[in-house]
Amino acid sequence: MTFSRITVDPEKMGGVPCIRGLRIPVATVVEMVADGMAEKGILRAYPDLEPEDIREALRYAAAAVREREIPLLSAP
């Protein structure tokens, strides 16, 4: 599985998985969903996000749990 909207850059955010090179960690988005925040609320809180970013963050988190490690990213 490839994740075109998830980036890992050791020079940004200590290398944690983020959305599209932004300084918005996947974990932050997943936590907002887990806390019951609706998509519109997340997009309001982070205007740089797009609806597909939220869906891909959830897919990425599911893959990470399934693999028990950070999934490999596709090459840019």
N, C-alpha and C. Protein backbone atom coordinates (compact mmCIF):
# COMPACT_ATOMS: atom_id res chain seq x y z
N MET A 1 0.85 -1.18 0.00
CA MET A 1 0.00 0.00 0.00
C MET A 1 0.89 1.24 0.00
N THR A 2 0.57 2.19 -0.85
CA THR A 2 1.34 3.43 -0.90
C THR A 2 0.52 4.57 -0.33
N PHE A 3 1.22 5.56 0.16
CA PHE A 3 0.58 6.71 0.79
C PHE A 3 1.15 7.98 0.17
N SER A 4 0.45 8.54 -0.78
CA SER A 4 0.96 9.70 -1.50
C SER A 4 0.83 10.99 -0.70
N ARG A 5 0.00 11.01 0.33
CA ARG A 5 -0.22 12.23 1.11
C ARG A 5 0.51 12.22 2.45
N ILE A 6 1.22 11.15 2.74
CA ILE A 6 1.94 11.05 4.00
C ILE A 6 3.43 11.17 3.70
N THR A 7 4.10 12.04 4.43
CA THR A 7 5.53 12.23 4.24
C THR A 7 6.27 12.04 5.56
N VAL A 8 7.50 11.56 5.44
CA VAL A 8 8.38 11.42 6.60
C VAL A 8 9.69 12.10 6.22
N ASP A 9 10.02 13.15 6.92
CA ASP A 9 11.24 13.91 6.64
C ASP A 9 11.98 14.12 7.96
N PRO A 10 13.18 13.54 8.09
CA PRO A 10 13.93 13.69 9.33
C PRO A 10 14.19 15.15 9.71
N GLU A 11 14.12 16.05 8.74
CA GLU A 11 14.37 17.47 9.00
C GLU A 11 13.12 18.22 9.47
N LYS A 12 11.96 17.55 9.42
CA LYS A 12 10.70 18.18 9.85
C LYS A 12 10.05 17.35 10.93
N MET A 13 9.70 17.97 12.01
CA MET A 13 8.94 17.33 13.07
C MET A 13 9.63 16.06 13.58
N GLY A 14 10.95 16.04 13.53
CA GLY A 14 11.70 14.90 14.05
C GLY A 14 11.47 13.61 13.28
N GLY A 15 10.97 13.72 12.06
CA GLY A 15 10.76 12.54 11.24
C GLY A 15 9.44 11.82 11.47
N VAL A 16 8.54 12.42 12.24
CA VAL A 16 7.23 11.76 12.44
C VAL A 16 6.41 11.88 11.15
N PRO A 17 5.58 10.90 10.86
CA PRO A 17 4.74 10.96 9.66
C PRO A 17 3.81 12.17 9.70
N CYS A 18 3.83 12.95 8.63
CA CYS A 18 3.02 14.17 8.54
C CYS A 18 2.19 14.15 7.26
N ILE A 19 1.27 15.06 7.18
CA ILE A 19 0.42 15.20 6.01
C ILE A 19 1.10 16.09 4.98
N ARG A 20 1.36 15.57 3.79
CA ARG A 20 1.86 16.30 2.63
C ARG A 20 3.00 17.28 2.92
N GLY A 21 3.91 16.91 3.77
CA GLY A 21 5.05 17.79 4.05
C GLY A 21 4.71 18.95 4.96
N LEU A 22 3.45 19.06 5.36
CA LEU A 22 3.05 20.09 6.30
C LEU A 22 3.49 19.66 7.70
N ARG A 23 3.48 20.56 8.60
CA ARG A 23 3.85 20.21 9.98
C ARG A 23 2.60 19.81 10.76
N ILE A 24 1.84 18.92 10.15
CA ILE A 24 0.62 18.38 10.77
C ILE A 24 0.82 16.87 10.85
N PRO A 25 1.13 16.36 12.05
CA PRO A 25 1.36 14.92 12.19
C PRO A 25 0.11 14.09 11.93
N VAL A 26 0.32 12.93 11.34
CA VAL A 26 -0.78 11.98 11.13
C VAL A 26 -1.46 11.70 12.47
N ALA A 27 -0.68 11.53 13.52
CA ALA A 27 -1.23 11.21 14.84
C ALA A 27 -2.20 12.28 15.33
N THR A 28 -1.93 13.53 15.02
CA THR A 28 -2.82 14.62 15.43
C THR A 28 -4.17 14.49 14.75
N VAL A 29 -4.15 14.20 13.46
CA VAL A 29 -5.40 14.06 12.70
C VAL A 29 -6.18 12.84 13.20
N VAL A 30 -5.49 11.73 13.40
CA VAL A 30 -6.16 10.51 13.87
C VAL A 30 -6.75 10.73 15.26
N GLU A 31 -6.03 11.42 16.11
CA GLU A 31 -6.53 11.70 17.45
C GLU A 31 -7.79 12.57 17.41
N MET A 32 -7.82 13.54 16.51
CA MET A 32 -9.00 14.39 16.38
C MET A 32 -10.21 13.57 15.97
N VAL A 33 -10.01 12.65 15.04
CA VAL A 33 -11.11 11.76 14.62
C VAL A 33 -11.54 10.89 15.80
N ALA A 34 -10.56 10.33 16.51
CA ALA A 34 -10.86 9.47 17.66
C ALA A 34 -11.61 10.22 18.76
N ASP A 35 -11.33 11.50 18.88
CA ASP A 35 -12.02 12.32 19.88
C ASP A 35 -13.42 12.74 19.45
N GLY A 36 -13.81 12.31 18.25
CA GLY A 36 -15.17 12.58 17.77
C GLY A 36 -15.32 13.84 16.94
N MET A 37 -14.22 14.47 16.58
CA MET A 37 -14.31 15.68 15.78
C MET A 37 -14.74 15.33 14.36
N ALA A 38 -15.69 16.07 13.85
CA ALA A 38 -16.17 15.85 12.48
C ALA A 38 -15.15 16.40 11.47
N GLU A 39 -15.24 15.88 10.26
CA GLU A 39 -14.32 16.30 9.20
C GLU A 39 -14.31 17.83 9.04
N LYS A 40 -15.48 18.44 9.06
CA LYS A 40 -15.55 19.89 8.90
C LYS A 40 -14.79 20.62 10.00
N GLY A 41 -14.86 20.11 11.21
CA GLY A 41 -14.14 20.72 12.33
C GLY A 41 -12.64 20.60 12.18
N ILE A 42 -12.19 19.44 11.71
CA ILE A 42 -10.76 19.24 11.50
C ILE A 42 -10.26 20.17 10.40
N LEU A 43 -11.03 20.27 9.34
CA LEU A 43 -10.64 21.15 8.23
C LEU A 43 -10.66 22.63 8.65
N ARG A 44 -11.55 22.97 9.56
CA ARG A 44 -11.58 24.34 10.08
C ARG A 44 -10.36 24.60 10.96
N ALA A 45 -9.98 23.60 11.75
CA ALA A 45 -8.82 23.75 12.65
C ALA A 45 -7.51 23.79 11.86
N TYR A 46 -7.47 23.07 10.74
CA TYR A 46 -6.28 23.01 9.91
C TYR A 46 -6.68 23.30 8.46
N PRO A 47 -6.80 24.56 8.10
CA PRO A 47 -7.28 24.93 6.76
C PRO A 47 -6.43 24.40 5.60
N ASP A 48 -5.18 24.03 5.86
CA ASP A 48 -4.33 23.49 4.79
C ASP A 48 -4.67 22.04 4.45
N LEU A 49 -5.43 21.38 5.32
CA LEU A 49 -5.81 19.99 5.06
C LEU A 49 -6.94 19.91 4.04
N GLU A 50 -6.99 18.77 3.39
CA GLU A 50 -8.07 18.45 2.45
C GLU A 50 -8.76 17.19 2.96
N PRO A 51 -10.01 16.97 2.59
CA PRO A 51 -10.72 15.77 3.08
C PRO A 51 -9.95 14.47 2.84
N GLU A 52 -9.31 14.34 1.70
CA GLU A 52 -8.56 13.11 1.42
C GLU A 52 -7.38 12.93 2.36
N ASP A 53 -6.83 14.03 2.89
CA ASP A 53 -5.74 13.93 3.87
C ASP A 53 -6.21 13.18 5.11
N ILE A 54 -7.41 13.47 5.56
CA ILE A 54 -7.97 12.82 6.75
C ILE A 54 -8.15 11.33 6.48
N ARG A 55 -8.72 10.99 5.34
CA ARG A 55 -8.94 9.58 5.01
C ARG A 55 -7.61 8.82 4.90
N GLU A 56 -6.62 9.45 4.28
CA GLU A 56 -5.33 8.77 4.15
C GLU A 56 -4.63 8.64 5.49
N ALA A 57 -4.78 9.62 6.37
CA ALA A 57 -4.21 9.51 7.72
C ALA A 57 -4.79 8.30 8.44
N LEU A 58 -6.08 8.08 8.30
CA LEU A 58 -6.72 6.93 8.94
C LEU A 58 -6.24 5.62 8.31
N ARG A 59 -6.12 5.59 7.00
CA ARG A 59 -5.61 4.37 6.34
C ARG A 59 -4.17 4.09 6.77
N TYR A 60 -3.37 5.15 6.88
CA TYR A 60 -1.97 5.01 7.29
C TYR A 60 -1.90 4.45 8.72
N ALA A 61 -2.71 5.01 9.60
CA ALA A 61 -2.72 4.53 10.99
C ALA A 61 -3.14 3.06 11.05
N ALA A 62 -4.13 2.68 10.27
CA ALA A 62 -4.57 1.29 10.24
C ALA A 62 -3.45 0.39 9.75
N ALA A 63 -2.74 0.81 8.71
CA ALA A 63 -1.63 0.01 8.18
C ALA A 63 -0.51 -0.09 9.21
N ALA A 64 -0.24 0.99 9.91
CA ALA A 64 0.83 0.98 10.92
C ALA A 64 0.49 0.00 12.04
N VAL A 65 -0.74 -0.03 12.45
CA VAL A 65 -1.15 -0.96 13.50
C VAL A 65 -1.10 -2.40 12.99
N ARG A 66 -1.58 -2.59 11.79
CA ARG A 66 -1.59 -3.93 11.19
C ARG A 66 -0.16 -4.46 11.05
N GLU A 67 0.76 -3.61 10.63
CA GLU A 67 2.15 -4.02 10.41
C GLU A 67 2.99 -3.96 11.68
N ARG A 68 2.49 -3.25 12.68
CA ARG A 68 3.22 -3.03 13.93
C ARG A 68 4.52 -2.27 13.73
N GLU A 69 4.57 -1.54 12.64
CA GLU A 69 5.70 -0.66 12.36
C GLU A 69 5.24 0.38 11.36
N ILE A 70 6.03 1.39 11.15
CA ILE A 70 5.68 2.42 10.19
C ILE A 70 5.72 1.80 8.80
N PRO A 71 4.62 1.87 8.04
CA PRO A 71 4.62 1.32 6.68
C PRO A 71 5.60 2.05 5.77
N LEU A 72 6.12 1.34 4.79
CA LEU A 72 7.01 1.96 3.81
C LEU A 72 6.23 2.95 2.97
N LEU A 73 6.86 4.04 2.65
CA LEU A 73 6.24 5.06 1.81
C LEU A 73 6.70 4.87 0.38
N SER A 74 5.86 5.27 -0.54
CA SER A 74 6.28 5.23 -1.95
C SER A 74 7.33 6.30 -2.19
N ALA A 75 8.17 6.06 -3.14
CA ALA A 75 9.21 7.05 -3.49
C ALA A 75 8.55 8.25 -4.15
N PRO A 76 9.05 9.44 -3.90
CA PRO A 76 8.46 10.65 -4.50
C PRO A 76 8.60 10.69 -6.00
